[in-house]
Amino acid sequence: MWHFLEVALDGFGVPMLQKAFGWLLRPKPTDHRIAALLEPSPHVFYVDVPFPPIPDSVKITKPSPDDIHNEIDSRPVFQRTEAARAYRGLEVCWPGLFRDVRPFAKECVVKVKYRNPAKHSSVEISCNAALAPRLKIAKANDPVIIRGVIVNVEGFSIWLGDAVVEFVY
C-alpha cells in the first residue's frame, strides 16, 4: 500500500495537493501592501483639490449631470429611455475636469468628467468642439466649464452638441 501512495504522490499527487491546498501557502498581505491599495489614485477625478473660482459671468445651470442620472434611474426600467429623451435640447453649463481630446479634421471630441466631490460622481460629458490651441496642451484634470445643448443621455454618459469648452485658468 505504501508503495502505491509513494508512486501516486510522486508523479501526480503532489501537484494536485499543491493546487488543493496552495492557498494555505500564499504569502499573507502585509500592512504596506494594504496601505498602497487604499491610497487614492492620482488619476481619480474627485481629488480634494478645491475647484478654482468660477467667473461671475458664468452661470452654472441645473439640473446637474447627477440630477439627470438620478431622475432617470428613479424611473421604472421601461420608462428610462423616454425620460432620457426629455433632456434633449436642454442648454447646460457645468463645471468639470478635462479628461481627453480626440481630433477629427477641424473639430474634436472632448471628454470631461463632471466634478462633484461630495458624491464622487463619475458622469462623462462628451462633445464636438473646435480644436482650440488650449485643448492641444491641456492636461488631465484641468478644471473647465463646458457649455452646450444635450443631444443624448445614455448610461453614465451625456453627449452635448454646439459645445464650448472653457478652461478656468
Foldseek 3Di string as FASTA:
>chain_A
DVVVVCVCCVPPVVVVVCVVCVVVVDDDDDPVVVVVVPDDDPQQQAPPDDDPDADPVDDFDDDDLVVLVVVLVVDPPVCSQVSFVVQFFDKGKAKWWWADWADDVQKIKTWTFGHDNVVSDGAIEIEIDGPDPCRVPDDTRQMWIKIFGFHGDDDSYTYGYPMDIGGRD
